[in-house]
Amino acid sequence: MDTIERIKQQIAENNILLYMKGSPKLPSCGFSSQASQALMACGEKFAYVDILQNPDIRAELPKYADWPTFPQLWVEGELIGGCDIIMEMYQQGELQPLVKEAAVKNTTEE
């Protein structure tokens, strides 16, 4: 399976997916740290991919997503955005319902 296929599969299999540097508990950059903290504050489980462990994804995802930076938050197959957008949505109370709705759909689909 090539890298783009793997990315598509990850996005399809996870209603809430964060591509980031490091992990939510041990982020490797400030932007990934802020993004994962905002997501964790929403109180729902989410998947993540550490792009530092996956250099092929790190190289290919910006082209596929047409988004140059990390982290990248994907909800229900759609790119939501990076750290600035995630933080803005969180502060305005828009991220929480989006994440909760995706998490509910995830549990009803299983």
PDB file of N, CA and C in Angstrom:
ATOM      1  N   MET A   1       0.849  -1.178   0.000  1.00  0.00           N
ATOM      2  CA  MET A   1       0.000   0.000   0.000  1.00  0.00           C
ATOM      3  C   MET A   1       0.899   1.247   0.000  1.00  0.00           C
ATOM      4  N   ASP A   2       0.632   2.165  -0.902  1.00  0.00           N
ATOM      5  CA  ASP A   2       1.485   3.355  -0.932  1.00  0.00           C
ATOM      6  C   ASP A   2       1.046   4.341   0.155  1.00  0.00           C
ATOM      7  N   THR A   3       1.847   5.375   0.328  1.00  0.00           N
ATOM      8  CA  THR A   3       1.644   6.305   1.437  1.00  0.00           C
ATOM      9  C   THR A   3       0.298   7.012   1.354  1.00  0.00           C
ATOM     10  N   ILE A   4      -0.084   7.462   0.178  1.00  0.00           N
ATOM     11  CA  ILE A   4      -1.365   8.169   0.023  1.00  0.00           C
ATOM     12  C   ILE A   4      -2.523   7.239   0.383  1.00  0.00           C
ATOM     13  N   GLU A   5      -2.440   5.982  -0.030  1.00  0.00           N
ATOM     14  CA  GLU A   5      -3.482   5.007   0.321  1.00  0.00           C
ATOM     15  C   GLU A   5      -3.550   4.821   1.839  1.00  0.00           C
ATOM     16  N   ARG A   6      -2.380   4.773   2.483  1.00  0.00           N
ATOM     17  CA  ARG A   6      -2.336   4.629   3.934  1.00  0.00           C
ATOM     18  C   ARG A   6      -2.973   5.831   4.622  1.00  0.00           C
ATOM     19  N   ILE A   7      -2.667   7.020   4.121  1.00  0.00           N
ATOM     20  CA  ILE A   7      -3.249   8.247   4.683  1.00  0.00           C
ATOM     21  C   ILE A   7      -4.772   8.205   4.531  1.00  0.00           C
ATOM     22  N   LYS A   8      -5.245   7.857   3.341  1.00  0.00           N
ATOM     23  CA  LYS A   8      -6.697   7.787   3.097  1.00  0.00           C
ATOM     24  C   LYS A   8      -7.353   6.780   4.030  1.00  0.00           C
ATOM     25  N   GLN A   9      -6.695   5.638   4.237  1.00  0.00           N
ATOM     26  CA  GLN A   9      -7.233   4.610   5.113  1.00  0.00           C
ATOM     27  C   GLN A   9      -7.295   5.107   6.560  1.00  0.00           C
ATOM     28  N   GLN A  10      -6.231   5.774   7.023  1.00  0.00           N
ATOM     29  CA  GLN A  10      -6.208   6.308   8.391  1.00  0.00           C
ATOM     30  C   GLN A  10      -7.340   7.314   8.592  1.00  0.00           C
ATOM     31  N   ILE A  11      -7.528   8.177   7.610  1.00  0.00           N
ATOM     32  CA  ILE A  11      -8.562   9.205   7.709  1.00  0.00           C
ATOM     33  C   ILE A  11      -9.949   8.554   7.688  1.00  0.00           C
ATOM     34  N   ALA A  12     -10.111   7.535   6.859  1.00  0.00           N
ATOM     35  CA  ALA A  12     -11.403   6.848   6.754  1.00  0.00           C
ATOM     36  C   ALA A  12     -11.733   6.053   8.017  1.00  0.00           C
ATOM     37  N   GLU A  13     -10.715   5.488   8.654  1.00  0.00           N
ATOM     38  CA  GLU A  13     -10.947   4.600   9.798  1.00  0.00           C
ATOM     39  C   GLU A  13     -11.093   5.343  11.124  1.00  0.00           C
ATOM     40  N   ASN A  14     -10.712   6.619  11.157  1.00  0.00           N
ATOM     41  CA  ASN A  14     -10.744   7.377  12.403  1.00  0.00           C
ATOM     42  C   ASN A  14     -11.569   8.646  12.247  1.00  0.00           C
ATOM     43  N   ASN A  15     -12.686   8.715  12.971  1.00  0.00           N
ATOM     44  CA  ASN A  15     -13.548   9.898  12.872  1.00  0.00           C
ATOM     45  C   ASN A  15     -12.835  11.164  13.334  1.00  0.00           C
ATOM     46  N   ILE A  16     -11.931  11.006  14.308  1.00  0.00           N
ATOM     47  CA  ILE A  16     -11.170  12.150  14.820  1.00  0.00           C
ATOM     48  C   ILE A  16      -9.699  11.746  14.774  1.00  0.00           C
ATOM     49  N   LEU A  17      -8.942  12.426  13.935  1.00  0.00           N
ATOM     50  CA  LEU A  17      -7.546  12.034  13.713  1.00  0.00           C
ATOM     51  C   LEU A  17      -6.661  13.272  13.701  1.00  0.00           C
ATOM     52  N   LEU A  18      -5.601  13.229  14.501  1.00  0.00           N
ATOM     53  CA  LEU A  18      -4.654  14.335  14.560  1.00  0.00           C
ATOM     54  C   LEU A  18      -3.298  13.846  14.071  1.00  0.00           C
ATOM     55  N   TYR A  19      -2.827  14.452  12.993  1.00  0.00           N
ATOM     56  CA  TYR A  19      -1.445  14.215  12.550  1.00  0.00           C
ATOM     57  C   TYR A  19      -0.596  15.231  13.292  1.00  0.00           C
ATOM     58  N   MET A  20       0.387  14.755  14.043  1.00  0.00           N
ATOM     59  CA  MET A  20       1.142  15.654  14.901  1.00  0.00           C
ATOM     60  C   MET A  20       2.583  15.183  15.056  1.00  0.00           C
ATOM     61  N   LYS A  21       3.377  16.028  15.672  1.00  0.00           N
ATOM     62  CA  LYS A  21       4.761  15.677  15.996  1.00  0.00           C
ATOM     63  C   LYS A  21       4.773  15.177  17.430  1.00  0.00           C
ATOM     64  N   GLY A  22       5.094  13.895  17.591  1.00  0.00           N
ATOM     65  CA  GLY A  22       5.071  13.282  18.907  1.00  0.00           C
ATOM     66  C   GLY A  22       3.717  12.652  19.176  1.00  0.00           C
ATOM     67  N   SER A  23       3.377  12.548  20.472  1.00  0.00           N
ATOM     68  CA  SER A  23       2.093  11.975  20.879  1.00  0.00           C
ATOM     69  C   SER A  23       1.386  12.977  21.793  1.00  0.00           C
ATOM     70  N   PRO A  24       0.078  12.796  22.000  1.00  0.00           N
ATOM     71  CA  PRO A  24      -0.630  13.749  22.881  1.00  0.00           C
ATOM     72  C   PRO A  24      -0.001  13.852  24.272  1.00  0.00           C
ATOM     73  N   LYS A  25       0.510  12.742  24.792  1.00  0.00           N
ATOM     74  CA  LYS A  25       1.115  12.777  26.126  1.00  0.00           C
ATOM     75  C   LYS A  25       2.555  13.287  26.082  1.00  0.00           C
ATOM     76  N   LEU A  26       3.193  13.179  24.942  1.00  0.00           N
ATOM     77  CA  LEU A  26       4.587  13.608  24.808  1.00  0.00           C
ATOM     78  C   LEU A  26       4.790  14.306  23.455  1.00  0.00           C
ATOM     79  N   PRO A  27       4.168  15.471  23.279  1.00  0.00           N
ATOM     80  CA  PRO A  27       4.301  16.173  22.005  1.00  0.00           C
ATOM     81  C   PRO A  27       5.725  16.682  21.780  1.00  0.00           C
ATOM     82  N   SER A  28       6.113  16.732  20.510  1.00  0.00           N
ATOM     83  CA  SER A  28       7.479  17.143  20.180  1.00  0.00           C
ATOM     84  C   SER A  28       7.557  18.563  19.635  1.00  0.00           C
ATOM     85  N   CYS A  29       6.428  19.268  19.629  1.00  0.00           N
ATOM     86  CA  CYS A  29       6.482  20.695  19.268  1.00  0.00           C
ATOM     87  C   CYS A  29       5.329  21.419  19.947  1.00  0.00           C
ATOM     88  N   GLY A  30       5.488  22.703  20.117  1.00  0.00           N
ATOM     89  CA  GLY A  30       4.493  23.503  20.828  1.00  0.00           C
ATOM     90  C   GLY A  30       3.135  23.508  20.156  1.00  0.00           C
ATOM     91  N   PHE A  31       3.124  23.547  18.822  1.00  0.00           N
ATOM     92  CA  PHE A  31       1.858  23.587  18.097  1.00  0.00           C
ATOM     93  C   PHE A  31       1.100  22.272  18.272  1.00  0.00           C
ATOM     94  N   SER A  32       1.826  21.151  18.180  1.00  0.00           N
ATOM     95  CA  SER A  32       1.201  19.844  18.387  1.00  0.00           C
ATOM     96  C   SER A  32       0.700  19.717  19.825  1.00  0.00           C
ATOM     97  N   SER A  33       1.451  20.272  20.763  1.00  0.00           N
ATOM     98  CA  SER A  33       1.053  20.244  22.166  1.00  0.00           C
ATOM     99  C   SER A  33      -0.259  20.995  22.372  1.00  0.00           C
ATOM    100  N   GLN A  34      -0.348  22.203  21.840  1.00  0.00           N
ATOM    101  CA  GLN A  34      -1.570  23.010  21.983  1.00  0.00           C
ATOM    102  C   GLN A  34      -2.763  22.307  21.337  1.00  0.00           C
ATOM    103  N   ALA A  35      -2.555  21.786  20.138  1.00  0.00           N
ATOM    104  CA  ALA A  35      -3.648  21.140  19.407  1.00  0.00           C
ATOM    105  C   ALA A  35      -4.153  19.907  20.154  1.00  0.00           C
ATOM    106  N   SER A  36      -3.229  19.084  20.637  1.00  0.00           N
ATOM    107  CA  SER A  36      -3.654  17.861  21.327  1.00  0.00           C
ATOM    108  C   SER A  36      -4.306  18.193  22.675  1.00  0.00           C
ATOM    109  N   GLN A  37      -3.827  19.242  23.353  1.00  0.00           N
ATOM    110  CA  GLN A  37      -4.453  19.627  24.623  1.00  0.00           C
ATOM    111  C   GLN A  37      -5.881  20.113  24.407  1.00  0.00           C
ATOM    112  N   ALA A  38      -6.092  20.881  23.355  1.00  0.00           N
ATOM    113  CA  ALA A  38      -7.452  21.354  23.049  1.00  0.00           C
ATOM    114  C   ALA A  38      -8.361  20.164  22.751  1.00  0.00           C
ATOM    115  N   LEU A  39      -7.843  19.201  21.987  1.00  0.00           N
ATOM    116  CA  LEU A  39      -8.637  18.004  21.676  1.00  0.00           C
ATOM    117  C   LEU A  39      -8.928  17.190  22.934  1.00  0.00           C
ATOM    118  N   MET A  40      -7.913  16.998  23.767  1.00  0.00           N
ATOM    119  CA  MET A  40      -8.120  16.232  25.004  1.00  0.00           C
ATOM    120  C   MET A  40      -9.130  16.928  25.913  1.00  0.00           C
ATOM    121  N   ALA A  41      -9.130  18.260  25.906  1.00  0.00           N
ATOM    122  CA  ALA A  41     -10.076  19.020  26.731  1.00  0.00           C
ATOM    123  C   ALA A  41     -11.514  18.831  26.270  1.00  0.00           C
ATOM    124  N   CYS A  42     -11.691  18.383  25.045  1.00  0.00           N
ATOM    125  CA  CYS A  42     -13.046  18.100  24.538  1.00  0.00           C
ATOM    126  C   CYS A  42     -13.604  16.816  25.157  1.00  0.00           C
ATOM    127  N   GLY A  43     -12.732  16.012  25.755  1.00  0.00           N
ATOM    128  CA  GLY A  43     -13.178  14.854  26.512  1.00  0.00           C
ATOM    129  C   GLY A  43     -13.521  13.618  25.698  1.00  0.00           C
ATOM    130  N   GLU A  44     -13.137  13.570  24.440  1.00  0.00           N
ATOM    131  CA  GLU A  44     -13.419  12.389  23.614  1.00  0.00           C
ATOM    132  C   GLU A  44     -12.110  11.751  23.176  1.00  0.00           C
ATOM    133  N   LYS A  45     -12.176  10.447  22.899  1.00  0.00           N
ATOM    134  CA  LYS A  45     -10.989   9.760  22.402  1.00  0.00           C
ATOM    135  C   LYS A  45     -10.732  10.184  20.961  1.00  0.00           C
ATOM    136  N   PHE A  46      -9.477  10.278  20.605  1.00  0.00           N
ATOM    137  CA  PHE A  46      -9.132  10.579  19.221  1.00  0.00           C
ATOM    138  C   PHE A  46      -7.874   9.806  18.860  1.00  0.00           C
ATOM    139  N   ALA A  47      -7.719   9.566  17.573  1.00  0.00           N
ATOM    140  CA  ALA A  47      -6.534   8.866  17.085  1.00  0.00           C
ATOM    141  C   ALA A  47      -5.485   9.908  16.712  1.00  0.00           C
ATOM    142  N   TYR A  48      -4.242   9.471  16.708  1.00  0.00           N
ATOM    143  CA  TYR A  48      -3.185  10.375  16.262  1.00  0.00           C
ATOM    144  C   TYR A  48      -2.135   9.578  15.504  1.00  0.00           C
ATOM    145  N   VAL A  49      -1.420  10.276  14.649  1.00  0.00           N
ATOM    146  CA  VAL A  49      -0.284   9.693  13.941  1.00  0.00           C
ATOM    147  C   VAL A  49       0.907  10.598  14.209  1.00  0.00           C
ATOM    148  N   ASP A  50       1.989  10.005  14.717  1.00  0.00           N
ATOM    149  CA  ASP A  50       3.220  10.750  14.959  1.00  0.00           C
ATOM    150  C   ASP A  50       3.993  10.811  13.643  1.00  0.00           C
ATOM    151  N   ILE A  51       4.022  11.991  13.035  1.00  0.00           N
ATOM    152  CA  ILE A  51       4.675  12.115  11.729  1.00  0.00           C
ATOM    153  C   ILE A  51       6.197  12.017  11.835  1.00  0.00           C
ATOM    154  N   LEU A  52       6.730  12.191  13.041  1.00  0.00           N
ATOM    155  CA  LEU A  52       8.177  12.041  13.200  1.00  0.00           C
ATOM    156  C   LEU A  52       8.574  10.563  13.059  1.00  0.00           C
ATOM    157  N   GLN A  53       7.642   9.671  13.399  1.00  0.00           N
ATOM    158  CA  GLN A  53       7.883   8.230  13.247  1.00  0.00           C
ATOM    159  C   GLN A  53       7.510   7.739  11.848  1.00  0.00           C
ATOM    160  N   ASN A  54       6.851   8.601  11.095  1.00  0.00           N
ATOM    161  CA  ASN A  54       6.361   8.239   9.758  1.00  0.00           C
ATOM    162  C   ASN A  54       6.792   9.296   8.739  1.00  0.00           C
ATOM    163  N   PRO A  55       8.088   9.320   8.381  1.00  0.00           N
ATOM    164  CA  PRO A  55       8.579  10.376   7.480  1.00  0.00           C
ATOM    165  C   PRO A  55       7.895  10.364   6.114  1.00  0.00           C
ATOM    166  N   ASP A  56       7.412   9.196   5.671  1.00  0.00           N
ATOM    167  CA  ASP A  56       6.701   9.134   4.394  1.00  0.00           C
ATOM    168  C   ASP A  56       5.389   9.914   4.474  1.00  0.00           C
ATOM    169  N   ILE A  57       4.669   9.750   5.576  1.00  0.00           N
ATOM    170  CA  ILE A  57       3.420  10.499   5.768  1.00  0.00           C
ATOM    171  C   ILE A  57       3.732  11.981   5.921  1.00  0.00           C
ATOM    172  N   ARG A  58       4.798  12.282   6.647  1.00  0.00           N
ATOM    173  CA  ARG A  58       5.201  13.684   6.843  1.00  0.00           C
ATOM    174  C   ARG A  58       5.470  14.348   5.485  1.00  0.00           C
ATOM    175  N   ALA A  59       6.034  13.592   4.554  1.00  0.00           N
ATOM    176  CA  ALA A  59       6.356  14.137   3.235  1.00  0.00           C
ATOM    177  C   ALA A  59       5.128  14.235   2.331  1.00  0.00           C
ATOM    178  N   GLU A  60       4.242  13.255   2.407  1.00  0.00           N
ATOM    179  CA  GLU A  60       3.128  13.167   1.458  1.00  0.00           C
ATOM    180  C   GLU A  60       1.857  13.886   1.889  1.00  0.00           C
ATOM    181  N   LEU A  61       1.576  13.900   3.190  1.00  0.00           N
ATOM    182  CA  LEU A  61       0.306  14.465   3.658  1.00  0.00           C
ATOM    183  C   LEU A  61       0.101  15.930   3.269  1.00  0.00           C
ATOM    184  N   PRO A  62       1.111  16.795   3.374  1.00  0.00           N
ATOM    185  CA  PRO A  62       0.873  18.193   2.971  1.00  0.00           C
ATOM    186  C   PRO A  62       0.418  18.321   1.518  1.00  0.00           C
ATOM    187  N   LYS A  63       0.936  17.466   0.649  1.00  0.00           N
ATOM    188  CA  LYS A  63       0.515  17.504  -0.760  1.00  0.00           C
ATOM    189  C   LYS A  63      -0.922  17.000  -0.893  1.00  0.00           C
ATOM    190  N   TYR A  64      -1.214  15.893  -0.213  1.00  0.00           N
ATOM    191  CA  TYR A  64      -2.552  15.304  -0.281  1.00  0.00           C
ATOM    192  C   TYR A  64      -3.599  16.261   0.294  1.00  0.00           C
ATOM    193  N   ALA A  65      -3.274  16.851   1.434  1.00  0.00           N
ATOM    194  CA  ALA A  65      -4.227  17.713   2.145  1.00  0.00           C
ATOM    195  C   ALA A  65      -4.251  19.132   1.582  1.00  0.00           C
ATOM    196  N   ASP A  66      -3.233  19.478   0.807  1.00  0.00           N
ATOM    197  CA  ASP A  66      -3.060  20.850   0.349  1.00  0.00           C
ATOM    198  C   ASP A  66      -2.962  21.789   1.559  1.00  0.00           C
ATOM    199  N   TRP A  67      -2.254  21.302   2.572  1.00  0.00           N
ATOM    200  CA  TRP A  67      -2.055  22.050   3.821  1.00  0.00           C
ATOM    201  C   TRP A  67      -0.604  21.821   4.227  1.00  0.00           C
ATOM    202  N   PRO A  68       0.215  22.867   4.295  1.00  0.00           N
ATOM    203  CA  PRO A  68       1.666  22.666   4.393  1.00  0.00           C
ATOM    204  C   PRO A  68       2.218  22.305   5.767  1.00  0.00           C
ATOM    205  N   THR A  69       1.454  22.555   6.829  1.00  0.00           N
ATOM    206  CA  THR A  69       2.040  22.447   8.170  1.00  0.00           C
ATOM    207  C   THR A  69       1.384  21.352   9.009  1.00  0.00           C
ATOM    208  N   PHE A  70       2.030  21.067  10.130  1.00  0.00           N
ATOM    209  CA  PHE A  70       1.487  20.155  11.139  1.00  0.00           C
ATOM    210  C   PHE A  70       1.373  20.915  12.451  1.00  0.00           C
ATOM    211  N   PRO A  71       0.452  20.560  13.318  1.00  0.00           N
ATOM    212  CA  PRO A  71      -0.467  19.436  13.225  1.00  0.00           C
ATOM    213  C   PRO A  71      -1.586  19.671  12.214  1.00  0.00           C
ATOM    214  N   GLN A  72      -2.266  18.571  11.890  1.00  0.00           N
ATOM    215  CA  GLN A  72      -3.454  18.622  11.043  1.00  0.00           C
ATOM    216  C   GLN A  72      -4.547  17.817  11.729  1.00  0.00           C
ATOM    217  N   LEU A  73      -5.694  18.440  11.900  1.00  0.00           N
ATOM    218  CA  LEU A  73      -6.837  17.752  12.500  1.00  0.00           C
ATOM    219  C   LEU A  73      -7.831  17.387  11.407  1.00  0.00           C
ATOM    220  N   TRP A  74      -8.184  16.119  11.377  1.00  0.00           N
ATOM    221  CA  TRP A  74      -9.191  15.605  10.443  1.00  0.00           C
ATOM    222  C   TRP A  74     -10.367  15.088  11.252  1.00  0.00           C
ATOM    223  N   VAL A  75     -11.564  15.544  10.912  1.00  0.00           N
ATOM    224  CA  VAL A  75     -12.776  15.067  11.580  1.00  0.00           C
ATOM    225  C   VAL A  75     -13.736  14.582  10.501  1.00  0.00           C
ATOM    226  N   GLU A  76     -14.142  13.321  10.629  1.00  0.00           N
ATOM    227  CA  GLU A  76     -15.058  12.691   9.681  1.00  0.00           C
ATOM    228  C   GLU A  76     -14.591  12.870   8.242  1.00  0.00           C
ATOM    229  N   GLY A  77     -13.306  12.663   8.032  1.00  0.00           N
ATOM    230  CA  GLY A  77     -12.766  12.684   6.687  1.00  0.00           C
ATOM    231  C   GLY A  77     -12.472  14.054   6.117  1.00  0.00           C
ATOM    232  N   GLU A  78     -12.720  15.105   6.900  1.00  0.00           N
ATOM    233  CA  GLU A  78     -12.472  16.465   6.409  1.00  0.00           C
ATOM    234  C   GLU A  78     -11.349  17.112   7.197  1.00  0.00           C
ATOM    235  N   LEU A  79     -10.482  17.804   6.479  1.00  0.00           N
ATOM    236  CA  LEU A  79      -9.416  18.559   7.139  1.00  0.00           C
ATOM    237  C   LEU A  79     -10.026  19.780   7.813  1.00  0.00           C
ATOM    238  N   ILE A  80      -9.849  19.870   9.124  1.00  0.00           N
ATOM    239  CA  ILE A  80     -10.344  21.026   9.878  1.00  0.00           C
ATOM    240  C   ILE A  80      -9.307  22.145   9.836  1.00  0.00           C
ATOM    241  N   GLY A  81      -8.030  21.775  10.035  1.00  0.00           N
ATOM    242  CA  GLY A  81      -6.977  22.780   9.955  1.00  0.00           C
ATOM    243  C   GLY A  81      -5.843  22.469  10.915  1.00  0.00           C
ATOM    244  N   GLY A  82      -5.020  23.475  11.133  1.00  0.00           N
ATOM    245  CA  GLY A  82      -3.843  23.341  11.982  1.00  0.00           C
ATOM    246  C   GLY A  82      -4.059  23.945  13.342  1.00  0.00           C
ATOM    247  N   CYS A  83      -2.973  24.196  14.027  1.00  0.00           N
ATOM    248  CA  CYS A  83      -3.010  24.644  15.420  1.00  0.00           C
ATOM    249  C   CYS A  83      -3.832  25.924  15.603  1.00  0.00           C
ATOM    250  N   ASP A  84      -3.605  26.936  14.794  1.00  0.00           N
ATOM    251  CA  ASP A  84      -4.308  28.214  14.962  1.00  0.00           C
ATOM    252  C   ASP A  84      -5.815  28.031  14.848  1.00  0.00           C
ATOM    253  N   ILE A  85      -6.236  27.268  13.843  1.00  0.00           N
ATOM    254  CA  ILE A  85      -7.667  27.043  13.618  1.00  0.00           C
ATOM    255  C   ILE A  85      -8.251  26.211  14.764  1.00  0.00           C
ATOM    256  N   ILE A  86      -7.525  25.172  15.181  1.00  0.00           N
ATOM    257  CA  ILE A  86      -7.981  24.321  16.290  1.00  0.00           C
ATOM    258  C   ILE A  86      -8.166  25.166  17.551  1.00  0.00           C
ATOM    259  N   MET A  87      -7.175  26.002  17.863  1.00  0.00           N
ATOM    260  CA  MET A  87      -7.242  26.816  19.083  1.00  0.00           C
ATOM    261  C   MET A  87      -8.373  27.846  19.000  1.00  0.00           C
ATOM    262  N   GLU A  88      -8.523  28.446  17.841  1.00  0.00           N
ATOM    263  CA  GLU A  88      -9.586  29.442  17.672  1.00  0.00           C
ATOM    264  C   GLU A  88     -10.955  28.782  17.835  1.00  0.00           C
ATOM    265  N   MET A  89     -11.129  27.620  17.196  1.00  0.00           N
ATOM    266  CA  MET A  89     -12.406  26.905  17.312  1.00  0.00           C
ATOM    267  C   MET A  89     -12.667  26.489  18.759  1.00  0.00           C
ATOM    268  N   TYR A  90     -11.615  26.050  19.443  1.00  0.00           N
ATOM    269  CA  TYR A  90     -11.768  25.626  20.836  1.00  0.00           C
ATOM    270  C   TYR A  90     -12.199  26.819  21.702  1.00  0.00           C
ATOM    271  N   GLN A  91     -11.515  27.942  21.533  1.00  0.00           N
ATOM    272  CA  GLN A  91     -11.809  29.126  22.353  1.00  0.00           C
ATOM    273  C   GLN A  91     -13.203  29.677  22.075  1.00  0.00           C
ATOM    274  N   GLN A  92     -13.683  29.493  20.845  1.00  0.00           N
ATOM    275  CA  GLN A  92     -15.019  29.993  20.500  1.00  0.00           C
ATOM    276  C   GLN A  92     -16.113  28.954  20.772  1.00  0.00           C
ATOM    277  N   GLY A  93     -15.702  27.796  21.299  1.00  0.00           N
ATOM    278  CA  GLY A  93     -16.685  26.767  21.630  1.00  0.00           C
ATOM    279  C   GLY A  93     -17.197  25.989  20.428  1.00  0.00           C
ATOM    280  N   GLU A  94     -16.470  26.048  19.303  1.00  0.00           N
ATOM    281  CA  GLU A  94     -16.906  25.350  18.092  1.00  0.00           C
ATOM    282  C   GLU A  94     -16.296  23.959  17.966  1.00  0.00           C
ATOM    283  N   LEU A  95     -15.145  23.745  18.595  1.00  0.00           N
ATOM    284  CA  LEU A  95     -14.454  22.462  18.463  1.00  0.00           C
ATOM    285  C   LEU A  95     -15.155  21.361  19.260  1.00  0.00           C
ATOM    286  N   GLN A  96     -15.594  21.705  20.463  1.00  0.00           N
ATOM    287  CA  GLN A  96     -16.189  20.707  21.353  1.00  0.00           C
ATOM    288  C   GLN A  96     -17.384  19.988  20.719  1.00  0.00           C
ATOM    289  N   PRO A  97     -18.397  20.721  20.198  1.00  0.00           N
ATOM    290  CA  PRO A  97     -19.535  20.005  19.602  1.00  0.00           C
ATOM    291  C   PRO A  97     -19.137  19.201  18.354  1.00  0.00           C
ATOM    292  N   LEU A  98     -18.193  19.721  17.581  1.00  0.00           N
ATOM    293  CA  LEU A  98     -17.723  19.010  16.391  1.00  0.00           C
ATOM    294  C   LEU A  98     -17.109  17.671  16.783  1.00  0.00           C
ATOM    295  N   VAL A  99     -16.255  17.703  17.796  1.00  0.00           N
ATOM    296  CA  VAL A  99     -15.575  16.494  18.269  1.00  0.00           C
ATOM    297  C   VAL A  99     -16.570  15.528  18.912  1.00  0.00           C
ATOM    298  N   LYS A 100     -17.485  16.064  19.723  1.00  0.00           N
ATOM    299  CA  LYS A 100     -18.472  15.206  20.394  1.00  0.00           C
ATOM    300  C   LYS A 100     -19.364  14.506  19.363  1.00  0.00           C
ATOM    301  N   GLU A 101     -19.804  15.253  18.370  1.00  0.00           N
ATOM    302  CA  GLU A 101     -20.665  14.685  17.329  1.00  0.00           C
ATOM    303  C   GLU A 101     -19.950  13.565  16.576  1.00  0.00           C
ATOM    304  N   ALA A 102     -18.686  13.791  16.230  1.00  0.00           N
ATOM    305  CA  ALA A 102     -17.903  12.774  15.519  1.00  0.00           C
ATOM    306  C   ALA A 102     -17.686  11.552  16.410  1.00  0.00           C
ATOM    307  N   ALA A 103     -17.472  11.779  17.706  1.00  0.00           N
ATOM    308  CA  ALA A 103     -17.252  10.663  18.640  1.00  0.00           C
ATOM    309  C   ALA A 103     -18.535   9.840  18.799  1.00  0.00           C
ATOM    310  N   VAL A 104     -19.674  10.522  18.844  1.00  0.00           N
ATOM    311  CA  VAL A 104     -20.957   9.818  18.961  1.00  0.00           C
ATOM    312  C   VAL A 104     -21.192   8.961  17.726  1.00  0.00           C
ATOM    313  N   LYS A 105     -20.931   9.528  16.556  1.00  0.00           N
ATOM    314  CA  LYS A 105     -21.094   8.767  15.312  1.00  0.00           C
ATOM    315  C   LYS A 105     -20.175   7.545  15.323  1.00  0.00           C
ATOM    316  N   ASN A 106     -18.984   7.725  15.860  1.00  0.00           N
ATOM    317  CA  ASN A 106     -18.008   6.642  15.927  1.00  0.00           C
ATOM    318  C   ASN A 106     -18.540   5.482  16.775  1.00  0.00           C
ATOM    319  N   THR A 107     -19.152   5.795  17.910  1.00  0.00           N
ATOM    320  CA  THR A 107     -19.640   4.728  18.786  1.00  0.00           C
ATOM    321  C   THR A 107     -20.901   4.082  18.225  1.00  0.00           C
ATOM    322  N   THR A 108     -21.728   4.835  17.500  1.00  0.00           N
ATOM    323  CA  THR A 108     -22.950   4.240  16.949  1.00  0.00           C
ATOM    324  C   THR A 108     -22.655   3.389  15.721  1.00  0.00           C
ATOM    325  N   GLU A 109     -21.530   3.646  15.070  1.00  0.00           N
ATOM    326  CA  GLU A 109     -21.179   2.876  13.874  1.00  0.00           C
ATOM    327  C   GLU A 109     -20.554   1.521  14.214  1.00  0.00           C
ATOM    328  N   GLU A 110     -20.029   1.392  15.430  1.00  0.00           N
ATOM    329  CA  GLU A 110     -19.324   0.161  15.792  1.00  0.00           C
ATOM    330  C   GLU A 110     -20.279  -0.960  16.132  1.00  0.00           C
TER     331      GLU A 110
END
